[in-house]
Amino acid sequence: MDEIILVFTNLPDRDSAQRMAQALIENRTAACVNILAECGSVYRWQGKTETASEVPLLVKSTRAAYPRLEATIRAHHPYELPEIIAVPVSAGFPGYLQWVARETQATEE
């Protein structure tokens, strides 16, 4: 089975988060996307400290699907430099992990 990953990204509002989640599911780069509650972010950008409200996404995918997933996020993300961080899932319920692997397999169009 392909390695399962959890990908984090943030969007500026709930509408763009919903559109991103739909795109990731529709092109089978993610099996599931959790749209979390709005949070505050503090970061340095172009030499200045910034604050923003953002909507975090937790994306369940596979290492094999990651290149397509990253390309989808970059194509649909409104930020110049979107946060896209992937971490490996070291353990989990086998049935769920198998489902993630099945749902992110590229299909023949």
C-alpha atoms as a PDB file:
ATOM      1  CA  MET A   1       0.000   0.000   0.000  1.00  0.00           C
ATOM      2  CA  ASP A   2       1.194   3.507  -0.825  1.00  0.00           C
ATOM      3  CA  GLU A   3       2.357   5.717   2.057  1.00  0.00           C
ATOM      4  CA  ILE A   4      -0.469   7.799   3.512  1.00  0.00           C
ATOM      5  CA  ILE A   5       0.227  11.488   4.140  1.00  0.00           C
ATOM      6  CA  LEU A   6      -1.545  14.329   5.882  1.00  0.00           C
ATOM      7  CA  VAL A   7      -1.253  17.676   4.092  1.00  0.00           C
ATOM      8  CA  PHE A   8      -1.846  21.046   5.730  1.00  0.00           C
ATOM      9  CA  THR A   9      -2.793  24.246   3.929  1.00  0.00           C
ATOM     10  CA  ASN A  10      -4.643  27.447   4.870  1.00  0.00           C
ATOM     11  CA  LEU A  11      -7.079  29.516   2.833  1.00  0.00           C
ATOM     12  CA  PRO A  12      -8.178  33.103   3.449  1.00  0.00           C
ATOM     13  CA  ASP A  13     -11.896  32.322   3.869  1.00  0.00           C
ATOM     14  CA  ARG A  14     -14.460  29.523   4.069  1.00  0.00           C
ATOM     15  CA  ASP A  15     -15.626  29.884   0.443  1.00  0.00           C
ATOM     16  CA  SER A  16     -12.120  29.445  -0.984  1.00  0.00           C
ATOM     17  CA  ALA A  17     -11.521  26.561   1.452  1.00  0.00           C
ATOM     18  CA  GLN A  18     -14.688  24.841   0.216  1.00  0.00           C
ATOM     19  CA  ARG A  19     -13.689  25.333  -3.432  1.00  0.00           C
ATOM     20  CA  MET A  20     -10.216  23.933  -2.727  1.00  0.00           C
ATOM     21  CA  ALA A  21     -11.645  20.900  -0.926  1.00  0.00           C
ATOM     22  CA  GLN A  22     -14.012  20.210  -3.838  1.00  0.00           C
ATOM     23  CA  ALA A  23     -11.180  20.443  -6.379  1.00  0.00           C
ATOM     24  CA  LEU A  24      -8.971  18.074  -4.381  1.00  0.00           C
ATOM     25  CA  ILE A  25     -11.733  15.485  -4.027  1.00  0.00           C
ATOM     26  CA  GLU A  26     -12.988  15.772  -7.611  1.00  0.00           C
ATOM     27  CA  ASN A  27      -9.560  15.166  -9.147  1.00  0.00           C
ATOM     28  CA  ARG A  28      -8.869  12.307  -6.704  1.00  0.00           C
ATOM     29  CA  THR A  29      -5.794  13.878  -5.140  1.00  0.00           C
ATOM     30  CA  ALA A  30      -7.431  13.582  -1.705  1.00  0.00           C
ATOM     31  CA  ALA A  31      -9.718  11.018  -0.117  1.00  0.00           C
ATOM     32  CA  CYS A  32     -10.986  13.426   2.543  1.00  0.00           C
ATOM     33  CA  VAL A  33     -10.526  17.110   3.345  1.00  0.00           C
ATOM     34  CA  ASN A  34     -11.410  18.552   6.741  1.00  0.00           C
ATOM     35  CA  ILE A  35     -12.267  22.245   6.684  1.00  0.00           C
ATOM     36  CA  LEU A  36     -11.478  23.496  10.162  1.00  0.00           C
ATOM     37  CA  ALA A  37     -12.714  26.526  12.054  1.00  0.00           C
ATOM     38  CA  GLU A  38     -11.217  29.907  11.216  1.00  0.00           C
ATOM     39  CA  CYS A  39      -8.058  30.693  13.139  1.00  0.00           C
ATOM     40  CA  GLY A  40      -5.656  33.573  13.518  1.00  0.00           C
ATOM     41  CA  SER A  41      -2.196  33.417  11.957  1.00  0.00           C
ATOM     42  CA  VAL A  42       0.829  35.554  12.775  1.00  0.00           C
ATOM     43  CA  TYR A  43       3.774  35.409  10.361  1.00  0.00           C
ATOM     44  CA  ARG A  44       6.575  37.396   8.808  1.00  0.00           C
ATOM     45  CA  TRP A  45       6.066  38.268   5.144  1.00  0.00           C
ATOM     46  CA  GLN A  46       8.390  40.441   3.077  1.00  0.00           C
ATOM     47  CA  GLY A  47      10.112  41.760   6.191  1.00  0.00           C
ATOM     48  CA  LYS A  48       6.948  42.700   8.110  1.00  0.00           C
ATOM     49  CA  THR A  49       4.976  40.943  10.837  1.00  0.00           C
ATOM     50  CA  GLU A  50       1.480  40.202   9.534  1.00  0.00           C
ATOM     51  CA  THR A  51      -1.729  38.842  11.037  1.00  0.00           C
ATOM     52  CA  ALA A  52      -4.577  37.192   9.160  1.00  0.00           C
ATOM     53  CA  SER A  53      -7.684  35.100   9.665  1.00  0.00           C
ATOM     54  CA  GLU A  54      -7.371  31.804   7.817  1.00  0.00           C
ATOM     55  CA  VAL A  55      -9.288  28.553   7.363  1.00  0.00           C
ATOM     56  CA  PRO A  56      -7.060  25.480   7.774  1.00  0.00           C
ATOM     57  CA  LEU A  57      -7.515  22.347   5.688  1.00  0.00           C
ATOM     58  CA  LEU A  58      -6.384  18.846   6.668  1.00  0.00           C
ATOM     59  CA  VAL A  59      -6.011  16.757   3.539  1.00  0.00           C
ATOM     60  CA  LYS A  60      -5.707  12.958   3.595  1.00  0.00           C
ATOM     61  CA  SER A  61      -3.786  11.626   0.606  1.00  0.00           C
ATOM     62  CA  THR A  62      -0.863   9.454  -0.491  1.00  0.00           C
ATOM     63  CA  ARG A  63       2.747  10.119  -1.381  1.00  0.00           C
ATOM     64  CA  ALA A  64       2.013   8.944  -4.952  1.00  0.00           C
ATOM     65  CA  ALA A  65      -0.796  11.497  -5.319  1.00  0.00           C
ATOM     66  CA  TYR A  66       1.218  14.327  -3.745  1.00  0.00           C
ATOM     67  CA  PRO A  67       2.564  15.857  -7.003  1.00  0.00           C
ATOM     68  CA  ARG A  68      -0.988  16.134  -8.380  1.00  0.00           C
ATOM     69  CA  LEU A  69      -2.249  17.421  -5.027  1.00  0.00           C
ATOM     70  CA  GLU A  70       0.419  20.123  -4.827  1.00  0.00           C
ATOM     71  CA  ALA A  71      -0.271  21.171  -8.424  1.00  0.00           C
ATOM     72  CA  THR A  72      -4.007  21.436  -7.648  1.00  0.00           C
ATOM     73  CA  ILE A  73      -3.413  23.550  -4.550  1.00  0.00           C
ATOM     74  CA  ARG A  74      -1.011  25.836  -6.404  1.00  0.00           C
ATOM     75  CA  ALA A  75      -3.440  26.239  -9.322  1.00  0.00           C
ATOM     76  CA  HIS A  76      -6.419  27.130  -7.086  1.00  0.00           C
ATOM     77  CA  HIS A  77      -4.747  28.957  -4.197  1.00  0.00           C
ATOM     78  CA  PRO A  78      -5.071  32.754  -4.005  1.00  0.00           C
ATOM     79  CA  TYR A  79      -1.797  33.233  -2.079  1.00  0.00           C
ATOM     80  CA  GLU A  80       1.482  34.009  -3.819  1.00  0.00           C
ATOM     81  CA  LEU A  81       3.213  31.494  -1.522  1.00  0.00           C
ATOM     82  CA  PRO A  82       0.705  28.966  -0.164  1.00  0.00           C
ATOM     83  CA  GLU A  83       1.511  26.807   2.831  1.00  0.00           C
ATOM     84  CA  ILE A  84       1.650  23.196   1.648  1.00  0.00           C
ATOM     85  CA  ILE A  85       3.120  20.851   4.239  1.00  0.00           C
ATOM     86  CA  ALA A  86       2.932  17.058   4.019  1.00  0.00           C
ATOM     87  CA  VAL A  87       3.704  14.730   6.896  1.00  0.00           C
ATOM     88  CA  PRO A  88       3.756  10.929   6.802  1.00  0.00           C
ATOM     89  CA  VAL A  89       1.132   8.983   8.715  1.00  0.00           C
ATOM     90  CA  SER A  90       3.101   6.447  10.762  1.00  0.00           C
ATOM     91  CA  ALA A  91       0.079   4.441  11.956  1.00  0.00           C
ATOM     92  CA  GLY A  92      -3.686   4.326  11.609  1.00  0.00           C
ATOM     93  CA  PHE A  93      -6.720   2.106  11.295  1.00  0.00           C
ATOM     94  CA  PRO A  94      -5.800  -0.202   8.371  1.00  0.00           C
ATOM     95  CA  GLY A  95      -9.239  -0.083   6.767  1.00  0.00           C
ATOM     96  CA  TYR A  96      -9.234   3.727   6.732  1.00  0.00           C
ATOM     97  CA  LEU A  97      -5.691   3.902   5.341  1.00  0.00           C
ATOM     98  CA  GLN A  98      -6.626   1.434   2.578  1.00  0.00           C
ATOM     99  CA  TRP A  99      -9.655   3.584   1.731  1.00  0.00           C
ATOM    100  CA  VAL A 100      -7.427   6.687   1.428  1.00  0.00           C
ATOM    101  CA  ALA A 101      -5.099   4.780  -0.905  1.00  0.00           C
ATOM    102  CA  ARG A 102      -8.020   3.571  -3.085  1.00  0.00           C
ATOM    103  CA  GLU A 103      -9.678   7.000  -3.307  1.00  0.00           C
ATOM    104  CA  THR A 104      -6.509   8.776  -4.442  1.00  0.00           C
ATOM    105  CA  GLN A 105      -5.599   6.451  -7.274  1.00  0.00           C
ATOM    106  CA  ALA A 106      -5.531   8.263 -10.599  1.00  0.00           C
ATOM    107  CA  THR A 107      -8.276   7.093 -12.922  1.00  0.00           C
ATOM    108  CA  GLU A 108      -8.203   6.693 -16.656  1.00  0.00           C
ATOM    109  CA  GLU A 109     -10.147   9.542 -18.259  1.00  0.00           C
END
